[in-house]
Amino acid sequence: MNIRTSPTYIDYKNLKFLITDSPGEFYINNYIQTLLQYDVKVLVRVCKKTYEELPFTTQGIQIEELSFPNGSFPDKTIIDKWLCVCKTYAKNHPSSTLAIHCESGLGRSAVLVAVALIDAGMKPDHVVDFIRNKRRGAFNNTQYECLKNYAPKTKSVDRKKKGKPQKCCIL
């Protein structure tokens, strides 16, 4: 196994995600090889930094930081940034997979993938089952309740002002 916990591939509409745990110092090269197998161009980190980024960037993998507290649901700012990353990534790398990790790949990373799927049109009840069927143990009770009540933020990510589209992020 290249990663401590097997990565989980999620594919819905034009979105492709790889949920993983945090890379460990002793197997970082195997971790990177796994990301390259999925044609990952960006790895989103939603937990504390515990590794050097240079091995990733030398392989053409950019690291994006969207950290928020373990066990919690992300705030509006993190959600808006995440949805912007997803939208930009899907546009710039339509055949590639966007990777995301937290410490174990069960909470924060799974929550953000769920948010993106809901924003893309999947029903909240379905998204929880969809991800849990692929990644057992995903979501704690707090995250589950927040996902059930989450309303898509598509309009806030489009950032149109007086008919003119505004750039939300650059990858």
C-alpha atoms as a PDB file:
ATOM      1  CA  MET A   1       0.000   0.000   0.000  1.00  0.00           C
ATOM      2  CA  ASN A   2       1.408   3.385  -1.003  1.00  0.00           C
ATOM      3  CA  ILE A   3      -0.568   5.408   1.527  1.00  0.00           C
ATOM      4  CA  ARG A   4      -1.311   4.361   5.139  1.00  0.00           C
ATOM      5  CA  THR A   5      -5.040   4.407   4.483  1.00  0.00           C
ATOM      6  CA  SER A   6      -6.035   3.585   0.928  1.00  0.00           C
ATOM      7  CA  PRO A   7      -7.007   6.691  -1.014  1.00  0.00           C
ATOM      8  CA  THR A   8     -10.626   7.101  -2.026  1.00  0.00           C
ATOM      9  CA  TYR A   9     -11.466   8.176  -5.566  1.00  0.00           C
ATOM     10  CA  ILE A  10     -14.684  10.182  -5.941  1.00  0.00           C
ATOM     11  CA  ASP A  11     -16.064  11.037  -9.390  1.00  0.00           C
ATOM     12  CA  TYR A  12     -19.245  13.070  -9.933  1.00  0.00           C
ATOM     13  CA  LYS A  13     -20.175  15.073 -13.015  1.00  0.00           C
ATOM     14  CA  ASN A  14     -17.014  16.992 -13.986  1.00  0.00           C
ATOM     15  CA  LEU A  15     -15.453  16.690 -10.506  1.00  0.00           C
ATOM     16  CA  LYS A  16     -12.764  14.149  -9.607  1.00  0.00           C
ATOM     17  CA  PHE A  17     -11.358  13.922  -6.093  1.00  0.00           C
ATOM     18  CA  LEU A  18      -8.849  11.767  -4.268  1.00  0.00           C
ATOM     19  CA  ILE A  19      -9.313  11.754  -0.483  1.00  0.00           C
ATOM     20  CA  THR A  20      -6.196  10.671   1.409  1.00  0.00           C
ATOM     21  CA  ASP A  21      -4.613  10.800   4.814  1.00  0.00           C
ATOM     22  CA  SER A  22      -1.686  13.094   5.571  1.00  0.00           C
ATOM     23  CA  PRO A  23       1.600  12.079   3.923  1.00  0.00           C
ATOM     24  CA  GLY A  24       4.177  10.637   6.279  1.00  0.00           C
ATOM     25  CA  GLU A  25       7.852  11.515   6.150  1.00  0.00           C
ATOM     26  CA  PHE A  26       8.958   7.919   5.608  1.00  0.00           C
ATOM     27  CA  TYR A  27       6.727   7.148   2.639  1.00  0.00           C
ATOM     28  CA  ILE A  28       6.342  10.532   0.965  1.00  0.00           C
ATOM     29  CA  ASN A  29       7.787   9.290  -2.353  1.00  0.00           C
ATOM     30  CA  ASN A  30       5.230   6.468  -2.528  1.00  0.00           C
ATOM     31  CA  TYR A  31       2.519   8.964  -1.623  1.00  0.00           C
ATOM     32  CA  ILE A  32       3.576  11.238  -4.486  1.00  0.00           C
ATOM     33  CA  GLN A  33       3.650   8.294  -6.911  1.00  0.00           C
ATOM     34  CA  THR A  34       0.071   7.471  -5.941  1.00  0.00           C
ATOM     35  CA  LEU A  35      -0.974  11.072  -6.602  1.00  0.00           C
ATOM     36  CA  LEU A  36       0.747  10.982  -9.988  1.00  0.00           C
ATOM     37  CA  GLN A  37      -1.132   7.786 -10.896  1.00  0.00           C
ATOM     38  CA  TYR A  38      -4.339   9.817 -10.546  1.00  0.00           C
ATOM     39  CA  ASP A  39      -2.844  12.744 -12.502  1.00  0.00           C
ATOM     40  CA  VAL A  40      -3.090  15.081  -9.496  1.00  0.00           C
ATOM     41  CA  LYS A  41      -1.910  18.648 -10.119  1.00  0.00           C
ATOM     42  CA  VAL A  42      -3.056  20.166  -6.803  1.00  0.00           C
ATOM     43  CA  LEU A  43      -3.096  18.707  -3.293  1.00  0.00           C
ATOM     44  CA  VAL A  44      -5.288  20.585  -0.810  1.00  0.00           C
ATOM     45  CA  ARG A  45      -4.159  20.385   2.814  1.00  0.00           C
ATOM     46  CA  VAL A  46      -6.860  21.029   5.421  1.00  0.00           C
ATOM     47  CA  CYS A  47      -4.788  20.240   8.519  1.00  0.00           C
ATOM     48  CA  LYS A  48      -1.542  21.359  10.137  1.00  0.00           C
ATOM     49  CA  LYS A  49       1.527  21.162   7.876  1.00  0.00           C
ATOM     50  CA  THR A  50       3.630  18.117   8.810  1.00  0.00           C
ATOM     51  CA  TYR A  51       5.785  17.633   5.706  1.00  0.00           C
ATOM     52  CA  GLU A  52       8.010  19.493   3.290  1.00  0.00           C
ATOM     53  CA  GLU A  53       6.374  20.706   0.079  1.00  0.00           C
ATOM     54  CA  LEU A  54       9.470  20.536  -2.148  1.00  0.00           C
ATOM     55  CA  PRO A  55       9.104  16.837  -3.088  1.00  0.00           C
ATOM     56  CA  PHE A  56       5.577  17.631  -4.335  1.00  0.00           C
ATOM     57  CA  THR A  57       6.384  20.814  -6.221  1.00  0.00           C
ATOM     58  CA  THR A  58       9.342  19.196  -7.993  1.00  0.00           C
ATOM     59  CA  GLN A  59       6.867  16.628  -9.333  1.00  0.00           C
ATOM     60  CA  GLY A  60       4.484  19.360 -10.528  1.00  0.00           C
ATOM     61  CA  ILE A  61       2.016  19.064  -7.642  1.00  0.00           C
ATOM     62  CA  GLN A  62       0.961  22.381  -6.109  1.00  0.00           C
ATOM     63  CA  ILE A  63      -0.071  22.517  -2.439  1.00  0.00           C
ATOM     64  CA  GLU A  64      -3.075  24.634  -1.418  1.00  0.00           C
ATOM     65  CA  GLU A  65      -3.707  25.408   2.262  1.00  0.00           C
ATOM     66  CA  LEU A  66      -7.299  25.451   3.583  1.00  0.00           C
ATOM     67  CA  SER A  67      -6.814  24.466   7.202  1.00  0.00           C
ATOM     68  CA  PHE A  68      -9.652  24.466   9.733  1.00  0.00           C
ATOM     69  CA  PRO A  69     -10.090  22.810  13.161  1.00  0.00           C
ATOM     70  CA  ASN A  70     -10.238  19.024  13.402  1.00  0.00           C
ATOM     71  CA  GLY A  71     -13.733  17.611  13.910  1.00  0.00           C
ATOM     72  CA  SER A  72     -15.452  20.820  12.862  1.00  0.00           C
ATOM     73  CA  PHE A  73     -17.398  22.013   9.843  1.00  0.00           C
ATOM     74  CA  PRO A  74     -15.651  24.664   7.716  1.00  0.00           C
ATOM     75  CA  ASP A  75     -16.748  28.280   7.905  1.00  0.00           C
ATOM     76  CA  LYS A  76     -18.069  30.265   4.933  1.00  0.00           C
ATOM     77  CA  THR A  77     -14.625  31.620   4.016  1.00  0.00           C
ATOM     78  CA  ILE A  78     -13.092  28.136   3.784  1.00  0.00           C
ATOM     79  CA  ILE A  79     -16.104  26.833   1.840  1.00  0.00           C
ATOM     80  CA  ASP A  80     -15.957  29.718  -0.639  1.00  0.00           C
ATOM     81  CA  LYS A  81     -12.214  29.231  -1.168  1.00  0.00           C
ATOM     82  CA  TRP A  82     -12.676  25.451  -1.550  1.00  0.00           C
ATOM     83  CA  LEU A  83     -15.466  25.806  -4.109  1.00  0.00           C
ATOM     84  CA  CYS A  84     -13.358  28.298  -6.011  1.00  0.00           C
ATOM     85  CA  VAL A  85     -10.430  25.851  -6.048  1.00  0.00           C
ATOM     86  CA  CYS A  86     -12.772  23.100  -7.309  1.00  0.00           C
ATOM     87  CA  LYS A  87     -14.281  25.265 -10.034  1.00  0.00           C
ATOM     88  CA  THR A  88     -10.911  26.566 -11.221  1.00  0.00           C
ATOM     89  CA  TYR A  89      -9.340  23.105 -11.094  1.00  0.00           C
ATOM     90  CA  ALA A  90     -12.164  21.498 -13.098  1.00  0.00           C
ATOM     91  CA  LYS A  91     -11.820  24.233 -15.714  1.00  0.00           C
ATOM     92  CA  ASN A  92      -8.005  24.199 -15.945  1.00  0.00           C
ATOM     93  CA  HIS A  93      -7.449  20.441 -15.480  1.00  0.00           C
ATOM     94  CA  PRO A  94     -10.647  18.711 -16.664  1.00  0.00           C
ATOM     95  CA  SER A  95      -9.102  15.244 -16.946  1.00  0.00           C
ATOM     96  CA  SER A  96      -7.094  15.443 -13.712  1.00  0.00           C
ATOM     97  CA  THR A  97      -7.979  14.579 -10.130  1.00  0.00           C
ATOM     98  CA  LEU A  98      -7.950  17.087  -7.267  1.00  0.00           C
ATOM     99  CA  ALA A  99      -6.421  15.527  -4.140  1.00  0.00           C
ATOM    100  CA  ILE A 100      -7.309  16.581  -0.611  1.00  0.00           C
ATOM    101  CA  HIS A 101      -6.058  15.408   2.758  1.00  0.00           C
ATOM    102  CA  CYS A 102      -6.497  15.940   6.463  1.00  0.00           C
ATOM    103  CA  GLU A 103      -4.839  13.820   9.150  1.00  0.00           C
ATOM    104  CA  SER A 104      -6.785  10.607   8.519  1.00  0.00           C
ATOM    105  CA  GLY A 105      -8.870  11.491   5.463  1.00  0.00           C
ATOM    106  CA  LEU A 106     -12.118  10.834   7.322  1.00  0.00           C
ATOM    107  CA  GLY A 107     -13.302  14.222   8.552  1.00  0.00           C
ATOM    108  CA  ARG A 108     -12.251  17.566   7.155  1.00  0.00           C
ATOM    109  CA  SER A 109     -11.245  16.342   3.701  1.00  0.00           C
ATOM    110  CA  ALA A 110     -14.373  14.209   3.292  1.00  0.00           C
ATOM    111  CA  VAL A 111     -16.532  17.152   4.419  1.00  0.00           C
ATOM    112  CA  LEU A 112     -15.099  19.485   1.790  1.00  0.00           C
ATOM    113  CA  VAL A 113     -15.571  16.884  -0.945  1.00  0.00           C
ATOM    114  CA  ALA A 114     -19.168  16.451   0.238  1.00  0.00           C
ATOM    115  CA  VAL A 115     -19.696  20.221   0.083  1.00  0.00           C
ATOM    116  CA  ALA A 116     -18.415  20.281  -3.516  1.00  0.00           C
ATOM    117  CA  LEU A 117     -20.713  17.405  -4.489  1.00  0.00           C
ATOM    118  CA  ILE A 118     -23.727  19.109  -2.906  1.00  0.00           C
ATOM    119  CA  ASP A 119     -22.809  22.310  -4.703  1.00  0.00           C
ATOM    120  CA  ALA A 120     -22.652  20.301  -7.957  1.00  0.00           C
ATOM    121  CA  GLY A 121     -26.212  19.054  -7.443  1.00  0.00           C
ATOM    122  CA  MET A 122     -26.044  15.931  -5.264  1.00  0.00           C
ATOM    123  CA  LYS A 123     -28.576  15.810  -2.420  1.00  0.00           C
ATOM    124  CA  PRO A 124     -27.071  16.056   1.099  1.00  0.00           C
ATOM    125  CA  ASP A 125     -28.532  12.696   2.236  1.00  0.00           C
ATOM    126  CA  HIS A 126     -27.157  10.998  -0.850  1.00  0.00           C
ATOM    127  CA  VAL A 127     -23.701  12.576  -0.596  1.00  0.00           C
ATOM    128  CA  VAL A 128     -23.147  11.264   2.936  1.00  0.00           C
ATOM    129  CA  ASP A 129     -24.062   7.710   1.900  1.00  0.00           C
ATOM    130  CA  PHE A 130     -22.100   8.037  -1.348  1.00  0.00           C
ATOM    131  CA  ILE A 131     -18.873   8.996   0.437  1.00  0.00           C
ATOM    132  CA  ARG A 132     -19.367   6.652   3.407  1.00  0.00           C
ATOM    133  CA  ASN A 133     -19.853   3.709   1.027  1.00  0.00           C
ATOM    134  CA  LYS A 134     -16.446   4.485  -0.453  1.00  0.00           C
ATOM    135  CA  ARG A 135     -14.710   5.680   2.744  1.00  0.00           C
ATOM    136  CA  ARG A 136     -15.981   3.987   5.896  1.00  0.00           C
ATOM    137  CA  GLY A 137     -15.951   6.153   8.992  1.00  0.00           C
ATOM    138  CA  ALA A 138     -16.207   9.441   7.114  1.00  0.00           C
ATOM    139  CA  PHE A 139     -17.843  12.303   9.040  1.00  0.00           C
ATOM    140  CA  ASN A 140     -18.490  12.694  12.748  1.00  0.00           C
ATOM    141  CA  ASN A 141     -21.961  13.576  14.086  1.00  0.00           C
ATOM    142  CA  THR A 142     -21.349  17.338  13.980  1.00  0.00           C
ATOM    143  CA  GLN A 143     -20.144  17.199  10.386  1.00  0.00           C
ATOM    144  CA  TYR A 144     -23.033  14.918   9.409  1.00  0.00           C
ATOM    145  CA  GLU A 145     -25.623  17.301  10.882  1.00  0.00           C
ATOM    146  CA  CYS A 146     -24.019  20.300   9.172  1.00  0.00           C
ATOM    147  CA  LEU A 147     -23.962  18.488   5.832  1.00  0.00           C
ATOM    148  CA  LYS A 148     -27.654  17.581   6.151  1.00  0.00           C
ATOM    149  CA  ASN A 149     -28.448  21.287   6.506  1.00  0.00           C
ATOM    150  CA  TYR A 150     -25.904  22.608   4.009  1.00  0.00           C
ATOM    151  CA  ALA A 151     -27.329  24.740   1.175  1.00  0.00           C
ATOM    152  CA  PRO A 152     -25.343  25.033  -2.078  1.00  0.00           C
ATOM    153  CA  LYS A 153     -23.248  28.195  -2.376  1.00  0.00           C
ATOM    154  CA  THR A 154     -22.896  28.231  -6.171  1.00  0.00           C
ATOM    155  CA  LYS A 155     -24.022  31.834  -6.511  1.00  0.00           C
ATOM    156  CA  SER A 156     -21.450  33.076  -3.994  1.00  0.00           C
ATOM    157  CA  VAL A 157     -18.641  31.272  -5.817  1.00  0.00           C
ATOM    158  CA  ASP A 158     -19.574  32.666  -9.239  1.00  0.00           C
ATOM    159  CA  ARG A 159     -18.854  36.119  -7.845  1.00  0.00           C
ATOM    160  CA  LYS A 160     -20.703  38.036 -10.559  1.00  0.00           C
ATOM    161  CA  LYS A 161     -20.953  41.733  -9.919  1.00  0.00           C
ATOM    162  CA  LYS A 162     -23.128  43.852 -12.197  1.00  0.00           C
ATOM    163  CA  GLY A 163     -22.990  41.161 -14.908  1.00  0.00           C
ATOM    164  CA  LYS A 164     -19.196  40.987 -14.923  1.00  0.00           C
ATOM    165  CA  PRO A 165     -17.590  37.741 -13.745  1.00  0.00           C
ATOM    166  CA  GLN A 166     -14.946  38.213 -11.071  1.00  0.00           C
ATOM    167  CA  LYS A 167     -11.969  35.917 -10.667  1.00  0.00           C
ATOM    168  CA  CYS A 168     -12.103  34.011  -7.419  1.00  0.00           C
ATOM    169  CA  CYS A 169      -8.757  32.245  -7.425  1.00  0.00           C
ATOM    170  CA  ILE A 170      -5.872  31.241  -9.646  1.00  0.00           C
ATOM    171  CA  LEU A 171      -4.266  27.806  -9.672  1.00  0.00           C
END
